[in-house]
Structure formats: C-alpha cells, structure tokens
C-alpha cells in the first residue's frame, strides 16, 4: 500500500520528484487511508527505522523514474470501457468516480498482475465499484440508523478504522 501511495503521489506531482518529505502533499485527499500511511514516511527519519529506510528510498527512485506520459496514455479514459454496459451510475459524479477514475483502474491492473496463489491465500480480490458503493452506503445507513451517528461515515471522531 505504501508503494501504491507513492505511485499516486508521483502521478499527481507533475514534474516534481516525490521525496520522503513531500509525498503526502501529492496523495489525493480522497485516499484518506493512504494519506495516513504516507504520514509514516516522517517516522523514517528516526534511528530505529534506519535499516529499512533504504527500501522506501529505493521505491521512490523507481517511482520517480517512471515514464508518466506512457502511464497516463495506458490509463487513458479513452482506452477504457465501462465496467459493464449493464451498470448504471446513480449520478454523473458516481460515474466519474467509479467508471473512469484512473487510480481505480490502476489498482485493478495491479491485482491482475499480483501472484494469483498469494492473492487467493490473502483474500485479495478486486471488488467492482458499484459493489463497494453499495457496501459503503449500507454501512453509512447502519451507522446513522442503528448506532445513532448522524454524520455516519463522515464522523471521523466516532467512526475509525
């Protein structure tokens, strides 16, 4: 997930190199869990992490050397089809979020390339965005109705992961 976060940072950094110190500013706010994970990069300055810091710096060197124009072309919306012709988004915003977001498609492609045996053993599968959307909405409703949390998932003080 950290490597994925650094990749997202690089995609959003334009021509700037991503470093241990600036990675967080390039991770989109909609990826809250990844942003929190990237906050860990500041911890790498401590002596106790000295022996593993080189691994993250190596990932950064790889991410910074990526051919971004080629990646953007490969992830281009023009080359992607909708998840399914039978799936209809509830709104234009949902359509953009779930059927055309390059970060989601990158993750889908990443999972395809992942070792199938290890992926199955760890239970790592791609979940289609409409299913995720349903689950998130259902949890939000349960929090509001059953747990009496008026803001549902938006209440970051009472709802954590």
C-alpha atoms as a PDB file:
ATOM      1  CA  UNK A   1       0.000   0.000   0.000  1.00  0.00           C
ATOM      2  CA  UNK A   2       2.877   2.344   0.678  1.00  0.00           C
ATOM      3  CA  UNK A   3       4.273   1.734  -2.813  1.00  0.00           C
ATOM      4  CA  UNK A   4       0.805   2.365  -4.246  1.00  0.00           C
ATOM      5  CA  UNK A   5       0.623   5.594  -2.244  1.00  0.00           C
ATOM      6  CA  UNK A   6       4.000   6.705  -3.594  1.00  0.00           C
ATOM      7  CA  UNK A   7       2.820   5.864  -7.103  1.00  0.00           C
ATOM      8  CA  UNK A   8      -0.304   8.003  -6.598  1.00  0.00           C
ATOM      9  CA  UNK A   9       1.895  10.810  -5.324  1.00  0.00           C
ATOM     10  CA  UNK A  10       4.092  10.575  -8.419  1.00  0.00           C
ATOM     11  CA  UNK A  11       1.080  10.634 -10.749  1.00  0.00           C
ATOM     12  CA  UNK A  12      -0.067  13.863  -9.098  1.00  0.00           C
ATOM     13  CA  UNK A  13       3.302  15.556  -8.714  1.00  0.00           C
ATOM     14  CA  UNK A  14       3.563  16.764 -12.322  1.00  0.00           C
ATOM     15  CA  UNK A  15       7.276  17.213 -12.937  1.00  0.00           C
ATOM     16  CA  UNK A  16       8.286  17.372  -9.259  1.00  0.00           C
ATOM     17  CA  UNK A  17      10.214  14.491  -7.745  1.00  0.00           C
ATOM     18  CA  UNK A  18       8.485  12.751  -4.867  1.00  0.00           C
ATOM     19  CA  UNK A  19      10.510  12.590  -1.648  1.00  0.00           C
ATOM     20  CA  UNK A  20      10.030  11.321   1.870  1.00  0.00           C
ATOM     21  CA  UNK A  21       9.161  14.886   2.836  1.00  0.00           C
ATOM     22  CA  UNK A  22       6.702  15.898   0.108  1.00  0.00           C
ATOM     23  CA  UNK A  23       4.893  12.644  -0.803  1.00  0.00           C
ATOM     24  CA  UNK A  24       1.840  13.350   1.361  1.00  0.00           C
ATOM     25  CA  UNK A  25       1.013  16.616  -0.387  1.00  0.00           C
ATOM     26  CA  UNK A  26       0.592  14.753  -3.689  1.00  0.00           C
ATOM     27  CA  UNK A  27      -1.693  11.963  -2.436  1.00  0.00           C
ATOM     28  CA  UNK A  28      -5.323  12.877  -3.179  1.00  0.00           C
ATOM     29  CA  UNK A  29      -7.429  13.681  -0.117  1.00  0.00           C
ATOM     30  CA  UNK A  30      -9.996  11.077  -1.170  1.00  0.00           C
ATOM     31  CA  UNK A  31      -7.436   8.381  -0.312  1.00  0.00           C
ATOM     32  CA  UNK A  32      -7.504   9.029   3.433  1.00  0.00           C
ATOM     33  CA  UNK A  33      -6.054   5.658   4.474  1.00  0.00           C
ATOM     34  CA  UNK A  34      -3.164   6.009   2.038  1.00  0.00           C
ATOM     35  CA  UNK A  35      -2.548   9.592   3.185  1.00  0.00           C
ATOM     36  CA  UNK A  36      -2.311   8.361   6.765  1.00  0.00           C
ATOM     37  CA  UNK A  37       0.056   5.602   5.678  1.00  0.00           C
ATOM     38  CA  UNK A  38       2.234   8.104   3.833  1.00  0.00           C
ATOM     39  CA  UNK A  39       2.435  10.073   7.099  1.00  0.00           C
ATOM     40  CA  UNK A  40       4.644   7.200   8.259  1.00  0.00           C
ATOM     41  CA  UNK A  41       7.397   8.490   5.963  1.00  0.00           C
ATOM     42  CA  UNK A  42       8.243  11.165   8.519  1.00  0.00           C
ATOM     43  CA  UNK A  43       8.958   8.371  11.013  1.00  0.00           C
ATOM     44  CA  UNK A  44      11.714   7.044   8.752  1.00  0.00           C
ATOM     45  CA  UNK A  45      13.963   9.845   9.978  1.00  0.00           C
ATOM     46  CA  UNK A  46      14.207   8.116  13.369  1.00  0.00           C
ATOM     47  CA  UNK A  47      17.233   5.932  14.059  1.00  0.00           C
ATOM     48  CA  UNK A  48      15.073   2.889  14.752  1.00  0.00           C
ATOM     49  CA  UNK A  49      13.992   2.822  11.077  1.00  0.00           C
ATOM     50  CA  UNK A  50      17.441   3.452   9.597  1.00  0.00           C
ATOM     51  CA  UNK A  51      17.832  -0.149   8.411  1.00  0.00           C
ATOM     52  CA  UNK A  52      14.570  -0.148   6.423  1.00  0.00           C
ATOM     53  CA  UNK A  53      14.632   3.414   5.130  1.00  0.00           C
ATOM     54  CA  UNK A  54      16.679   2.383   2.113  1.00  0.00           C
ATOM     55  CA  UNK A  55      13.790   0.190   0.893  1.00  0.00           C
ATOM     56  CA  UNK A  56      11.388   3.137   0.750  1.00  0.00           C
ATOM     57  CA  UNK A  57      14.072   5.303  -0.872  1.00  0.00           C
ATOM     58  CA  UNK A  58      14.551   2.579  -3.498  1.00  0.00           C
ATOM     59  CA  UNK A  59      10.810   2.544  -4.201  1.00  0.00           C
ATOM     60  CA  UNK A  60      10.952   6.337  -4.505  1.00  0.00           C
ATOM     61  CA  UNK A  61      13.789   6.125  -7.018  1.00  0.00           C
ATOM     62  CA  UNK A  62      11.769   3.671  -9.120  1.00  0.00           C
ATOM     63  CA  UNK A  63       8.591   5.761  -8.872  1.00  0.00           C
ATOM     64  CA  UNK A  64      10.458   8.936  -9.799  1.00  0.00           C
ATOM     65  CA  UNK A  65      11.924   7.254 -12.893  1.00  0.00           C
ATOM     66  CA  UNK A  66       8.538   6.195 -14.289  1.00  0.00           C
ATOM     67  CA  UNK A  67       7.556   7.271 -17.782  1.00  0.00           C
ATOM     68  CA  UNK A  68       4.486   9.254 -16.723  1.00  0.00           C
ATOM     69  CA  UNK A  69       3.263  10.160 -20.229  1.00  0.00           C
ATOM     70  CA  UNK A  70       3.214   6.458 -21.160  1.00  0.00           C
ATOM     71  CA  UNK A  71       1.383   5.572 -17.950  1.00  0.00           C
ATOM     72  CA  UNK A  72      -1.192   8.321 -18.472  1.00  0.00           C
ATOM     73  CA  UNK A  73      -1.753   7.083 -22.018  1.00  0.00           C
ATOM     74  CA  UNK A  74      -2.144   3.485 -20.843  1.00  0.00           C
ATOM     75  CA  UNK A  75      -4.610   4.568 -18.152  1.00  0.00           C
ATOM     76  CA  UNK A  76      -6.387   6.922 -20.536  1.00  0.00           C
ATOM     77  CA  UNK A  77     -10.150   7.068 -20.219  1.00  0.00           C
ATOM     78  CA  UNK A  78     -10.435   6.799 -23.991  1.00  0.00           C
ATOM     79  CA  UNK A  79      -8.956   3.310 -23.856  1.00  0.00           C
ATOM     80  CA  UNK A  80     -11.228   2.073 -21.069  1.00  0.00           C
ATOM     81  CA  UNK A  81     -14.696   0.681 -21.348  1.00  0.00           C
ATOM     82  CA  UNK A  82     -17.274   0.978 -18.626  1.00  0.00           C
ATOM     83  CA  UNK A  83     -17.177  -1.780 -16.033  1.00  0.00           C
ATOM     84  CA  UNK A  84     -20.270  -3.268 -17.592  1.00  0.00           C
ATOM     85  CA  UNK A  85     -22.748  -1.966 -20.091  1.00  0.00           C
ATOM     86  CA  UNK A  86     -25.481  -3.011 -17.651  1.00  0.00           C
ATOM     87  CA  UNK A  87     -24.126  -0.939 -14.758  1.00  0.00           C
ATOM     88  CA  UNK A  88     -25.686   2.488 -14.435  1.00  0.00           C
ATOM     89  CA  UNK A  89     -24.266   5.075 -12.064  1.00  0.00           C
ATOM     90  CA  UNK A  90     -26.687   6.918  -9.813  1.00  0.00           C
ATOM     91  CA  UNK A  91     -25.210  10.275 -10.794  1.00  0.00           C
ATOM     92  CA  UNK A  92     -22.629  11.865 -13.073  1.00  0.00           C
ATOM     93  CA  UNK A  93     -20.293  12.198 -10.089  1.00  0.00           C
ATOM     94  CA  UNK A  94     -20.578   8.479  -9.326  1.00  0.00           C
ATOM     95  CA  UNK A  95     -19.996   7.685 -12.999  1.00  0.00           C
ATOM     96  CA  UNK A  96     -16.781   9.709 -12.991  1.00  0.00           C
ATOM     97  CA  UNK A  97     -15.666   8.248  -9.690  1.00  0.00           C
ATOM     98  CA  UNK A  98     -16.293   4.584 -10.393  1.00  0.00           C
ATOM     99  CA  UNK A  99     -16.164   4.068 -14.112  1.00  0.00           C
ATOM    100  CA  UNK A 100     -13.429   6.428 -15.223  1.00  0.00           C
ATOM    101  CA  UNK A 101     -11.040   7.012 -12.318  1.00  0.00           C
ATOM    102  CA  UNK A 102      -7.523   6.048 -13.368  1.00  0.00           C
ATOM    103  CA  UNK A 103      -6.488   5.211  -9.792  1.00  0.00           C
ATOM    104  CA  UNK A 104      -9.179   2.556  -9.572  1.00  0.00           C
ATOM    105  CA  UNK A 105      -8.137   1.085 -12.902  1.00  0.00           C
ATOM    106  CA  UNK A 106      -4.501   1.075 -11.862  1.00  0.00           C
ATOM    107  CA  UNK A 107      -5.429  -0.936  -8.773  1.00  0.00           C
ATOM    108  CA  UNK A 108      -7.472  -3.360 -10.877  1.00  0.00           C
ATOM    109  CA  UNK A 109      -4.496  -3.896 -13.219  1.00  0.00           C
ATOM    110  CA  UNK A 110      -2.158  -4.192 -10.221  1.00  0.00           C
ATOM    111  CA  UNK A 111      -4.275  -7.002  -8.784  1.00  0.00           C
ATOM    112  CA  UNK A 112      -4.317  -8.820 -12.136  1.00  0.00           C
ATOM    113  CA  UNK A 113      -0.509  -8.905 -12.108  1.00  0.00           C
ATOM    114  CA  UNK A 114      -0.274  -9.969  -8.458  1.00  0.00           C
ATOM    115  CA  UNK A 115       0.713 -13.596  -7.731  1.00  0.00           C
ATOM    116  CA  UNK A 116      -2.646 -15.442  -8.033  1.00  0.00           C
ATOM    117  CA  UNK A 117      -1.826 -18.043  -5.360  1.00  0.00           C
ATOM    118  CA  UNK A 118      -0.693 -15.428  -2.838  1.00  0.00           C
ATOM    119  CA  UNK A 119      -3.618 -13.188  -3.725  1.00  0.00           C
ATOM    120  CA  UNK A 120      -6.100 -16.024  -3.113  1.00  0.00           C
ATOM    121  CA  UNK A 121      -4.384 -17.041   0.132  1.00  0.00           C
ATOM    122  CA  UNK A 122      -4.647 -13.494   1.453  1.00  0.00           C
ATOM    123  CA  UNK A 123      -8.180 -12.956   0.140  1.00  0.00           C
ATOM    124  CA  UNK A 124      -7.179 -10.003  -2.045  1.00  0.00           C
ATOM    125  CA  UNK A 125      -9.699  -9.510  -4.833  1.00  0.00           C
ATOM    126  CA  UNK A 126     -10.869  -6.636  -6.961  1.00  0.00           C
ATOM    127  CA  UNK A 127     -14.322  -5.515  -5.890  1.00  0.00           C
ATOM    128  CA  UNK A 128     -16.305  -3.721  -8.615  1.00  0.00           C
ATOM    129  CA  UNK A 129     -17.030  -0.086  -7.692  1.00  0.00           C
ATOM    130  CA  UNK A 130     -20.834  -0.492  -7.707  1.00  0.00           C
ATOM    131  CA  UNK A 131     -20.474  -3.225  -5.049  1.00  0.00           C
ATOM    132  CA  UNK A 132     -18.140  -1.053  -2.975  1.00  0.00           C
ATOM    133  CA  UNK A 133     -20.544   1.852  -3.348  1.00  0.00           C
ATOM    134  CA  UNK A 134     -23.434  -0.309  -2.091  1.00  0.00           C
ATOM    135  CA  UNK A 135     -21.398  -1.534   0.905  1.00  0.00           C
ATOM    136  CA  UNK A 136     -20.305   1.981   1.846  1.00  0.00           C
ATOM    137  CA  UNK A 137     -23.838   3.345   1.572  1.00  0.00           C
ATOM    138  CA  UNK A 138     -25.217   0.431   3.634  1.00  0.00           C
ATOM    139  CA  UNK A 139     -22.640   0.943   6.382  1.00  0.00           C
ATOM    140  CA  UNK A 140     -23.342   4.671   6.382  1.00  0.00           C
ATOM    141  CA  UNK A 141     -27.078   3.981   6.779  1.00  0.00           C
ATOM    142  CA  UNK A 142     -26.470   1.476   9.603  1.00  0.00           C
ATOM    143  CA  UNK A 143     -24.267   3.969  11.456  1.00  0.00           C
ATOM    144  CA  UNK A 144     -26.948   6.635  11.143  1.00  0.00           C
ATOM    145  CA  UNK A 145     -29.987   4.456  11.905  1.00  0.00           C
ATOM    146  CA  UNK A 146     -28.768   1.759  14.299  1.00  0.00           C
ATOM    147  CA  UNK A 147     -25.872   3.496  16.025  1.00  0.00           C
ATOM    148  CA  UNK A 148     -27.409   6.992  16.010  1.00  0.00           C
ATOM    149  CA  UNK A 149     -24.362   8.658  14.489  1.00  0.00           C
ATOM    150  CA  UNK A 150     -25.996  11.468  12.464  1.00  0.00           C
ATOM    151  CA  UNK A 151     -22.968  12.059  10.218  1.00  0.00           C
ATOM    152  CA  UNK A 152     -22.411   8.345   9.565  1.00  0.00           C
ATOM    153  CA  UNK A 153     -19.043   7.624   7.990  1.00  0.00           C
ATOM    154  CA  UNK A 154     -18.274  11.332   7.887  1.00  0.00           C
ATOM    155  CA  UNK A 155     -17.914  11.431  11.690  1.00  0.00           C
ATOM    156  CA  UNK A 156     -14.161  10.855  11.937  1.00  0.00           C
ATOM    157  CA  UNK A 157     -14.169  11.253  15.717  1.00  0.00           C
ATOM    158  CA  UNK A 158     -16.510   8.333  16.385  1.00  0.00           C
ATOM    159  CA  UNK A 159     -16.006   6.212  13.251  1.00  0.00           C
ATOM    160  CA  UNK A 160     -12.466   4.948  12.746  1.00  0.00           C
ATOM    161  CA  UNK A 161     -10.841   2.016  11.019  1.00  0.00           C
END
